[in-house]
Amino acid sequence: MSEYDWYEDDEPYVVVEQHSSGFGPLLLGIALGTGIALLFAPQSGADTRRLIRKKAQQARDTVADVVDEVATTVTDGIDSARDAVDLKKRQISRAVRAGRDAAHEAREDLEFRIAETKAAYKEN
């Protein structure tokens, strides 16, 4: 008797784990933390507003820097992909041209041999 025979009567069950997006709860945490910090801040309202403006400007600057960096990365990627496509197009064009030239030469050679064979046949 194997160890699994003891569990034959057990029904199978499914465990479903749900994970929420980390971005929404992060923003909620930031908002709650900011609100609590404002309530318990040991400074005046004017100082707090000035600090909030400063932090908001820093956040805008950081976001702008990230956006610029992402835009540069995407642009570089697009340019790189275009260069790769252009290179492949040139390589394919050269290969097609070489194939056409080879086919043309093969046809001329075949026509020449057929003409020789016909001439030799007529002589005999």
N, C-alpha and C. Protein backbone atom coordinates (compact mmCIF):
# COMPACT_ATOMS: atom_id res chain seq x y z
N MET A 1 0.85 -1.17 0.00
CA MET A 1 0.00 0.00 0.00
C MET A 1 0.90 1.24 0.00
N SER A 2 0.69 2.11 -0.98
CA SER A 2 1.53 3.30 -1.06
C SER A 2 0.97 4.39 -0.16
N GLU A 3 1.79 5.38 0.06
CA GLU A 3 1.37 6.48 0.93
C GLU A 3 0.23 7.29 0.31
N TYR A 4 0.06 7.20 -1.00
CA TYR A 4 -0.98 7.98 -1.67
C TYR A 4 -2.36 7.33 -1.55
N ASP A 5 -2.41 6.05 -1.19
CA ASP A 5 -3.70 5.37 -1.04
C ASP A 5 -4.53 5.97 0.10
N TRP A 6 -3.89 6.56 1.05
CA TRP A 6 -4.60 7.16 2.17
C TRP A 6 -5.40 8.38 1.75
N TYR A 7 -5.02 8.98 0.64
CA TYR A 7 -5.64 10.23 0.23
C TYR A 7 -6.63 10.06 -0.92
N GLU A 8 -7.01 8.85 -1.24
CA GLU A 8 -7.90 8.63 -2.38
C GLU A 8 -9.26 9.28 -2.21
N ASP A 9 -9.74 9.40 -1.00
CA ASP A 9 -11.07 9.97 -0.78
C ASP A 9 -11.06 11.49 -0.78
N ASP A 10 -9.89 12.09 -0.74
CA ASP A 10 -9.81 13.56 -0.71
C ASP A 10 -10.22 14.13 -2.06
N GLU A 11 -11.00 15.18 -1.99
CA GLU A 11 -11.41 15.88 -3.20
C GLU A 11 -10.29 16.84 -3.61
N PRO A 12 -10.06 16.97 -4.91
CA PRO A 12 -9.05 17.96 -5.33
C PRO A 12 -9.59 19.37 -5.10
N TYR A 13 -8.71 20.28 -4.85
CA TYR A 13 -9.12 21.66 -4.65
C TYR A 13 -8.16 22.58 -5.38
N VAL A 14 -8.65 23.75 -5.66
CA VAL A 14 -7.87 24.74 -6.40
C VAL A 14 -7.60 25.93 -5.49
N VAL A 15 -6.36 26.37 -5.47
CA VAL A 15 -5.99 27.55 -4.70
C VAL A 15 -5.81 28.69 -5.68
N VAL A 16 -6.54 29.76 -5.47
CA VAL A 16 -6.45 30.92 -6.34
C VAL A 16 -5.83 32.06 -5.54
N GLU A 17 -4.70 32.55 -6.05
CA GLU A 17 -4.05 33.69 -5.40
C GLU A 17 -4.30 34.92 -6.26
N GLN A 18 -4.74 35.96 -5.62
CA GLN A 18 -4.98 37.19 -6.36
C GLN A 18 -3.98 38.23 -5.90
N HIS A 19 -3.33 38.82 -6.88
CA HIS A 19 -2.36 39.87 -6.58
C HIS A 19 -2.85 41.15 -7.24
N SER A 20 -2.88 42.20 -6.47
CA SER A 20 -3.30 43.47 -7.07
C SER A 20 -2.08 44.18 -7.62
N SER A 21 -2.32 45.13 -8.46
CA SER A 21 -1.25 45.93 -9.03
C SER A 21 -0.55 46.70 -7.91
N GLY A 22 0.74 46.80 -8.00
CA GLY A 22 1.49 47.49 -6.96
C GLY A 22 1.45 48.99 -7.10
N PHE A 23 1.01 49.51 -8.23
CA PHE A 23 1.05 50.95 -8.46
C PHE A 23 -0.08 51.68 -7.73
N GLY A 24 -1.29 51.16 -7.78
CA GLY A 24 -2.42 51.80 -7.11
C GLY A 24 -2.23 51.87 -5.60
N PRO A 25 -1.92 50.75 -4.96
CA PRO A 25 -1.67 50.81 -3.52
C PRO A 25 -0.49 51.72 -3.16
N LEU A 26 0.51 51.78 -4.04
CA LEU A 26 1.64 52.67 -3.79
C LEU A 26 1.17 54.13 -3.74
N LEU A 27 0.37 54.53 -4.73
CA LEU A 27 -0.15 55.90 -4.74
C LEU A 27 -1.03 56.18 -3.53
N LEU A 28 -1.85 55.20 -3.15
CA LEU A 28 -2.69 55.35 -1.97
C LEU A 28 -1.83 55.53 -0.72
N GLY A 29 -0.78 54.75 -0.61
CA GLY A 29 0.13 54.88 0.53
C GLY A 29 0.81 56.22 0.57
N ILE A 30 1.22 56.71 -0.60
CA ILE A 30 1.85 58.03 -0.65
C ILE A 30 0.87 59.10 -0.20
N ALA A 31 -0.37 59.02 -0.69
CA ALA A 31 -1.38 60.02 -0.33
C ALA A 31 -1.68 59.97 1.17
N LEU A 32 -1.85 58.77 1.71
CA LEU A 32 -2.13 58.65 3.15
C LEU A 32 -0.94 59.13 3.97
N GLY A 33 0.25 58.77 3.57
CA GLY A 33 1.44 59.21 4.29
C GLY A 33 1.58 60.72 4.27
N THR A 34 1.29 61.32 3.13
CA THR A 34 1.35 62.78 3.03
C THR A 34 0.32 63.43 3.94
N GLY A 35 -0.89 62.88 3.94
CA GLY A 35 -1.94 63.44 4.80
C GLY A 35 -1.59 63.33 6.27
N ILE A 36 -1.09 62.20 6.68
CA ILE A 36 -0.71 62.02 8.09
C ILE A 36 0.45 62.94 8.45
N ALA A 37 1.41 63.06 7.52
CA ALA A 37 2.55 63.95 7.77
C ALA A 37 2.09 65.39 7.93
N LEU A 38 1.11 65.80 7.14
CA LEU A 38 0.60 67.17 7.26
C LEU A 38 -0.09 67.40 8.60
N LEU A 39 -0.80 66.38 9.07
CA LEU A 39 -1.51 66.52 10.35
C LEU A 39 -0.54 66.62 11.52
N PHE A 40 0.54 65.87 11.45
CA PHE A 40 1.46 65.82 12.58
C PHE A 40 2.73 66.64 12.35
N ALA A 41 2.75 67.47 11.34
CA ALA A 41 3.94 68.26 11.04
C ALA A 41 4.18 69.31 12.12
N PRO A 42 5.43 69.43 12.59
CA PRO A 42 5.73 70.42 13.63
C PRO A 42 6.09 71.79 13.05
N GLN A 43 5.63 72.09 11.86
CA GLN A 43 5.96 73.38 11.25
C GLN A 43 4.69 74.10 10.85
N SER A 44 4.84 75.34 10.47
CA SER A 44 3.68 76.15 10.13
C SER A 44 3.10 75.72 8.78
N GLY A 45 1.89 76.17 8.52
CA GLY A 45 1.23 75.84 7.25
C GLY A 45 1.97 76.39 6.06
N ALA A 46 2.51 77.60 6.19
CA ALA A 46 3.25 78.21 5.08
C ALA A 46 4.51 77.41 4.76
N ASP A 47 5.21 76.98 5.81
CA ASP A 47 6.41 76.15 5.59
C ASP A 47 6.04 74.82 4.95
N THR A 48 4.93 74.25 5.40
CA THR A 48 4.48 72.96 4.85
C THR A 48 4.11 73.12 3.38
N ARG A 49 3.39 74.19 3.04
CA ARG A 49 3.01 74.41 1.64
C ARG A 49 4.24 74.62 0.77
N ARG A 50 5.22 75.36 1.29
CA ARG A 50 6.46 75.59 0.55
C ARG A 50 7.18 74.25 0.31
N LEU A 51 7.21 73.42 1.35
CA LEU A 51 7.85 72.11 1.23
C LEU A 51 7.11 71.24 0.21
N ILE A 52 5.78 71.29 0.25
CA ILE A 52 4.99 70.51 -0.70
C ILE A 52 5.26 70.98 -2.12
N ARG A 53 5.30 72.32 -2.33
CA ARG A 53 5.61 72.84 -3.67
C ARG A 53 6.98 72.37 -4.14
N LYS A 54 7.95 72.43 -3.23
CA LYS A 54 9.31 72.02 -3.58
C LYS A 54 9.35 70.54 -3.96
N LYS A 55 8.70 69.70 -3.15
CA LYS A 55 8.69 68.26 -3.43
C LYS A 55 7.92 67.95 -4.71
N ALA A 56 6.83 68.69 -4.95
CA ALA A 56 6.06 68.48 -6.19
C ALA A 56 6.90 68.86 -7.40
N GLN A 57 7.65 69.95 -7.30
CA GLN A 57 8.52 70.36 -8.41
C GLN A 57 9.62 69.31 -8.64
N GLN A 58 10.17 68.79 -7.55
CA GLN A 58 11.19 67.75 -7.69
C GLN A 58 10.60 66.51 -8.35
N ALA A 59 9.37 66.16 -7.97
CA ALA A 59 8.71 65.00 -8.57
C ALA A 59 8.47 65.25 -10.06
N ARG A 60 8.02 66.46 -10.42
CA ARG A 60 7.81 66.79 -11.84
C ARG A 60 9.11 66.70 -12.62
N ASP A 61 10.19 67.23 -12.02
CA ASP A 61 11.49 67.17 -12.69
C ASP A 61 11.95 65.73 -12.89
N THR A 62 11.75 64.91 -11.87
CA THR A 62 12.13 63.50 -11.97
C THR A 62 11.33 62.80 -13.05
N VAL A 63 10.02 63.04 -13.07
CA VAL A 63 9.17 62.42 -14.09
C VAL A 63 9.59 62.90 -15.48
N ALA A 64 9.88 64.19 -15.62
CA ALA A 64 10.30 64.72 -16.92
C ALA A 64 11.62 64.08 -17.37
N ASP A 65 12.54 63.89 -16.42
CA ASP A 65 13.81 63.24 -16.76
C ASP A 65 13.59 61.80 -17.21
N VAL A 66 12.72 61.09 -16.50
CA VAL A 66 12.44 59.70 -16.87
C VAL A 66 11.77 59.64 -18.23
N VAL A 67 10.82 60.53 -18.48
CA VAL A 67 10.15 60.56 -19.79
C VAL A 67 11.15 60.85 -20.90
N ASP A 68 12.05 61.81 -20.67
CA ASP A 68 13.07 62.11 -21.68
C ASP A 68 13.97 60.91 -21.93
N GLU A 69 14.35 60.24 -20.85
CA GLU A 69 15.22 59.07 -20.98
C GLU A 69 14.53 57.95 -21.75
N VAL A 70 13.26 57.71 -21.43
CA VAL A 70 12.50 56.67 -22.14
C VAL A 70 12.34 57.05 -23.61
N ALA A 71 12.04 58.32 -23.87
CA ALA A 71 11.87 58.76 -25.26
C ALA A 71 13.17 58.58 -26.04
N THR A 72 14.30 58.91 -25.41
CA THR A 72 15.59 58.73 -26.07
C THR A 72 15.86 57.25 -26.34
N THR A 73 15.57 56.41 -25.36
CA THR A 73 15.78 54.97 -25.52
C THR A 73 14.91 54.42 -26.65
N VAL A 74 13.65 54.82 -26.68
CA VAL A 74 12.74 54.35 -27.73
C VAL A 74 13.20 54.85 -29.09
N THR A 75 13.58 56.11 -29.17
CA THR A 75 14.06 56.67 -30.44
C THR A 75 15.31 55.94 -30.92
N ASP A 76 16.24 55.69 -30.00
CA ASP A 76 17.45 54.95 -30.36
C ASP A 76 17.11 53.55 -30.85
N GLY A 77 16.16 52.91 -30.18
CA GLY A 77 15.74 51.57 -30.59
C GLY A 77 15.11 51.57 -31.97
N ILE A 78 14.28 52.57 -32.24
CA ILE A 78 13.63 52.67 -33.55
C ILE A 78 14.68 52.92 -34.63
N ASP A 79 15.62 53.83 -34.35
CA ASP A 79 16.69 54.10 -35.32
C ASP A 79 17.53 52.86 -35.59
N SER A 80 17.83 52.13 -34.54
CA SER A 80 18.61 50.90 -34.69
C SER A 80 17.85 49.87 -35.52
N ALA A 81 16.55 49.75 -35.27
CA ALA A 81 15.73 48.80 -36.04
C ALA A 81 15.66 49.22 -37.50
N ARG A 82 15.51 50.53 -37.76
CA ARG A 82 15.49 51.01 -39.15
C ARG A 82 16.80 50.71 -39.85
N ASP A 83 17.91 50.95 -39.16
CA ASP A 83 19.22 50.66 -39.75
C ASP A 83 19.35 49.18 -40.09
N ALA A 84 18.89 48.33 -39.17
CA ALA A 84 18.97 46.89 -39.41
C ALA A 84 18.10 46.48 -40.60
N VAL A 85 16.90 47.06 -40.70
CA VAL A 85 16.01 46.76 -41.82
C VAL A 85 16.62 47.24 -43.13
N ASP A 86 17.19 48.45 -43.13
CA ASP A 86 17.84 48.96 -44.34
C ASP A 86 19.00 48.07 -44.78
N LEU A 87 19.79 47.62 -43.81
CA LEU A 87 20.91 46.74 -44.13
C LEU A 87 20.40 45.44 -44.75
N LYS A 88 19.37 44.85 -44.17
CA LYS A 88 18.82 43.60 -44.71
C LYS A 88 18.23 43.82 -46.10
N LYS A 89 17.57 44.97 -46.31
CA LYS A 89 17.03 45.26 -47.64
C LYS A 89 18.14 45.34 -48.67
N ARG A 90 19.25 46.00 -48.31
CA ARG A 90 20.38 46.09 -49.24
C ARG A 90 20.97 44.71 -49.51
N GLN A 91 21.10 43.90 -48.47
CA GLN A 91 21.65 42.55 -48.65
C GLN A 91 20.74 41.71 -49.54
N ILE A 92 19.44 41.81 -49.32
CA ILE A 92 18.49 41.04 -50.14
C ILE A 92 18.52 41.54 -51.58
N SER A 93 18.59 42.84 -51.77
CA SER A 93 18.66 43.39 -53.14
C SER A 93 19.89 42.88 -53.86
N ARG A 94 21.04 42.87 -53.16
CA ARG A 94 22.26 42.35 -53.78
C ARG A 94 22.12 40.87 -54.11
N ALA A 95 21.50 40.11 -53.21
CA ALA A 95 21.32 38.68 -53.45
C ALA A 95 20.39 38.44 -54.63
N VAL A 96 19.31 39.22 -54.72
CA VAL A 96 18.38 39.08 -55.85
C VAL A 96 19.08 39.42 -57.15
N ARG A 97 19.86 40.52 -57.15
CA ARG A 97 20.61 40.91 -58.35
C ARG A 97 21.58 39.81 -58.76
N ALA A 98 22.29 39.25 -57.79
CA ALA A 98 23.24 38.18 -58.08
C ALA A 98 22.52 36.96 -58.63
N GLY A 99 21.34 36.66 -58.07
CA GLY A 99 20.56 35.52 -58.57
C GLY A 99 20.08 35.75 -59.99
N ARG A 100 19.63 36.96 -60.28
CA ARG A 100 19.19 37.28 -61.65
C ARG A 100 20.36 37.17 -62.63
N ASP A 101 21.51 37.73 -62.23
CA ASP A 101 22.69 37.66 -63.11
C ASP A 101 23.09 36.21 -63.37
N ALA A 102 23.08 35.39 -62.30
CA ALA A 102 23.45 33.98 -62.46
C ALA A 102 22.44 33.27 -63.36
N ALA A 103 21.15 33.56 -63.18
CA ALA A 103 20.13 32.93 -64.03
C ALA A 103 20.29 33.37 -65.48
N HIS A 104 20.60 34.63 -65.71
CA HIS A 104 20.81 35.15 -67.06
C HIS A 104 22.01 34.45 -67.72
N GLU A 105 23.10 34.33 -66.97
CA GLU A 105 24.29 33.66 -67.51
C GLU A 105 24.00 32.19 -67.80
N ALA A 106 23.26 31.54 -66.89
CA ALA A 106 22.93 30.14 -67.10
C ALA A 106 22.05 29.97 -68.34
N ARG A 107 21.12 30.89 -68.54
CA ARG A 107 20.26 30.81 -69.72
C ARG A 107 21.07 31.00 -71.00
N GLU A 108 21.96 32.00 -71.00
CA GLU A 108 22.80 32.22 -72.19
C GLU A 108 23.65 30.99 -72.48
N ASP A 109 24.22 30.41 -71.42
CA ASP A 109 25.05 29.21 -71.59
C ASP A 109 24.21 28.07 -72.15
N LEU A 110 23.00 27.90 -71.61
CA LEU A 110 22.12 26.83 -72.08
C LEU A 110 21.72 27.05 -73.54
N GLU A 111 21.38 28.28 -73.90
CA GLU A 111 21.02 28.57 -75.29
C GLU A 111 22.20 28.32 -76.23
N PHE A 112 23.41 28.67 -75.79
CA PHE A 112 24.60 28.42 -76.60
C PHE A 112 24.79 26.92 -76.80
N ARG A 113 24.66 26.14 -75.76
CA ARG A 113 24.85 24.68 -75.87
C ARG A 113 23.76 24.05 -76.74
N ILE A 114 22.54 24.56 -76.62
CA ILE A 114 21.46 24.03 -77.47
C ILE A 114 21.77 24.32 -78.93
N ALA A 115 22.25 25.54 -79.21
CA ALA A 115 22.60 25.90 -80.58
C ALA A 115 23.73 25.01 -81.09
N GLU A 116 24.74 24.75 -80.28
CA GLU A 116 25.84 23.86 -80.67
C GLU A 116 25.33 22.45 -80.95
N THR A 117 24.44 21.97 -80.07
CA THR A 117 23.91 20.62 -80.24
C THR A 117 23.10 20.52 -81.52
N LYS A 118 22.28 21.53 -81.82
CA LYS A 118 21.49 21.53 -83.06
C LYS A 118 22.41 21.55 -84.27
N ALA A 119 23.45 22.36 -84.21
CA ALA A 119 24.38 22.44 -85.34
C ALA A 119 25.09 21.11 -85.53
N ALA A 120 25.50 20.47 -84.46
CA ALA A 120 26.19 19.18 -84.56
C ALA A 120 25.23 18.12 -85.09
N TYR A 121 23.98 18.18 -84.73
CA TYR A 121 22.99 17.20 -85.19
C TYR A 121 22.74 17.35 -86.69
N LYS A 122 22.69 18.62 -87.15
CA LYS A 122 22.46 18.86 -88.57
C LYS A 122 23.63 18.39 -89.41
N GLU A 123 24.84 18.48 -88.90
CA GLU A 123 26.03 18.05 -89.64
C GLU A 123 26.05 16.54 -89.81
N ASN A 124 25.54 15.81 -88.88
CA ASN A 124 25.59 14.35 -88.97
C ASN A 124 24.45 13.85 -89.72
